[in-house]
Amino acid sequence: MLRLAVLLTVAGCASGHTHVIRDNEVVFRARSVGPARFVSVVDEASRITRADTSASFAMVLPGGDWLAMTAGALVRCSRDGATVRWAKEGVDVWHAVAVGGDAVVAIGTIADPAALNGQRRAMFRIDATTGAVAWQTESEPVSRGAEAVLVRVGDTTVAATFAGETAVYDNGVIAWTEAIPDGTSDPLLVAAGTNVVIVRSPRRTADDYSHDAPLRRPLGVRVVDARTGIEWGSTALLPEGDDLVYGQIGVAGDGRIAIEAADQRVLPSPITIEGRPGVKLDQTSTPRLVVIDVRDPAHPTARAQPMPAVTEVAASTRIAPGEVVFIDRYAANGETLGIRMLDLAAGTLRRAPLLRPRRVLVGDGIDSFVQVTHLARAGARLTFAGVFGGDVGALRARVEEVDGCEAQDHVECFNVPDSVTLAPFAGFVGAVGD
């Protein structure tokens, strides 16, 4: 049995280990609450005019260190946050995978004075010890993408964007690439032995839908050799409605792939907006669990079935070997952001609470929230990053009642309230599983 372990990097604390990132004083603080361990980070450059902080990427390196996009830089820090190994500006990592114990291959943007806006989209290798970029390469799918997923198979890293796939060897040489001129919805990608499984659905626009029969657009599944790009097999799954809209993906202990999805039907209806004709889209969604079996790569299968009923369990619940772990994406006051543990063989789904937003009674008061914006998998580990505000239980961002004029840096103070409540957003990263 595996104990649930969570490590979060958040903005919102005011004491601990101090470092400098982007010429700002940044504070990291470690603490633990029950089964969860936390590391906090906050920009202390200005007491009053604090900007919102965010975290957009996180991964756990071999040995337990964190690599994360937070405080405007790519940062490597120790598991407890006590030591920042290095911080690198000029890169924005969307996703990365470990290459041995001393490097990562990443996809995102990297500084280039000759490129539009001074940055270009690329895959690049980063020395995890120093933060130095060893090589960088690009392809049509990479340069057109705005989001991406990566998987590591042997000595090959495969990237998928809405515009296609690209595989790169450890030395930076492109092994193969396949562009999709018209693009698709953002894909899902997972490793399966020496292969990768690519899941895509057609791109959707408001003009695609009609009152007539459901469109039943296929969810495509391909099994591709990671090193050569050769397709071994493919299949398509038809929804009952217009589309199968997918979310998170994971691999069960028996090798089958589980995807949380929804069978979606969209019905347009004419409306008038300020005297002009328009279209209103009414949407219905039925939760579905998509199960893909690629144990025979030449003959993959896919089916959609009802999502199992959720059983609520305690926060200290352990994750069983082979369970697929999903995480909720959003929670506000009175709600709980939790993790869901799917036993595909038994057909059960358990949910344990992780973070609980609550109202903060400071000044006029604020409603707390937490939102996960980035997810990535490496084996059984799920890493995530996002943003929160206020008090979400184990994580707390600073909320203060301050003088209204001081809050505006004493600019145009003639028409401001005596006091205001400041509650800047804070970023966080975390991990669940091995």
Foldseek 3Di string as FASTA:
>chain_A
DFWWEKEKEKEADDDAAWDADPNFIKHWAWDADVRYIYIYIYTVRDPQQGAFWAWQDWDAAVVGWIFTCTPQWTWTAHNRRNGTQDTHHQWDFQEWDDDPRFKIWTWGWGAACVDVVRIFTWIWMAGNRRRDTPDIDDDPQRRPAPHWFWDDADQWIWIGGQFWIWIAGVVGHTQDTDGDVVGFHGWDWDDQHQKIKIWTWHHDDPVPAEPDAAQFTWTKIWIARRRHRHTQAIDTDTARHHDWAWDDKDAFPVGKIKIWTWRKHWYWDWDADPNHIDIDIDMDIAIWIKIWDCPPRNDIDIDIDHQADEDEDEQRDGADHRWAKDWDFKDKAPDFTWIWTADPVVRYIYIYGDWAWHWDPEDVIDIKMWGWDGWHDDHRKIKTKTKIKAGGDPDGHDKHKDAQCVSVVNPPPPDTDRIDIDIHMMMMMMMTDD
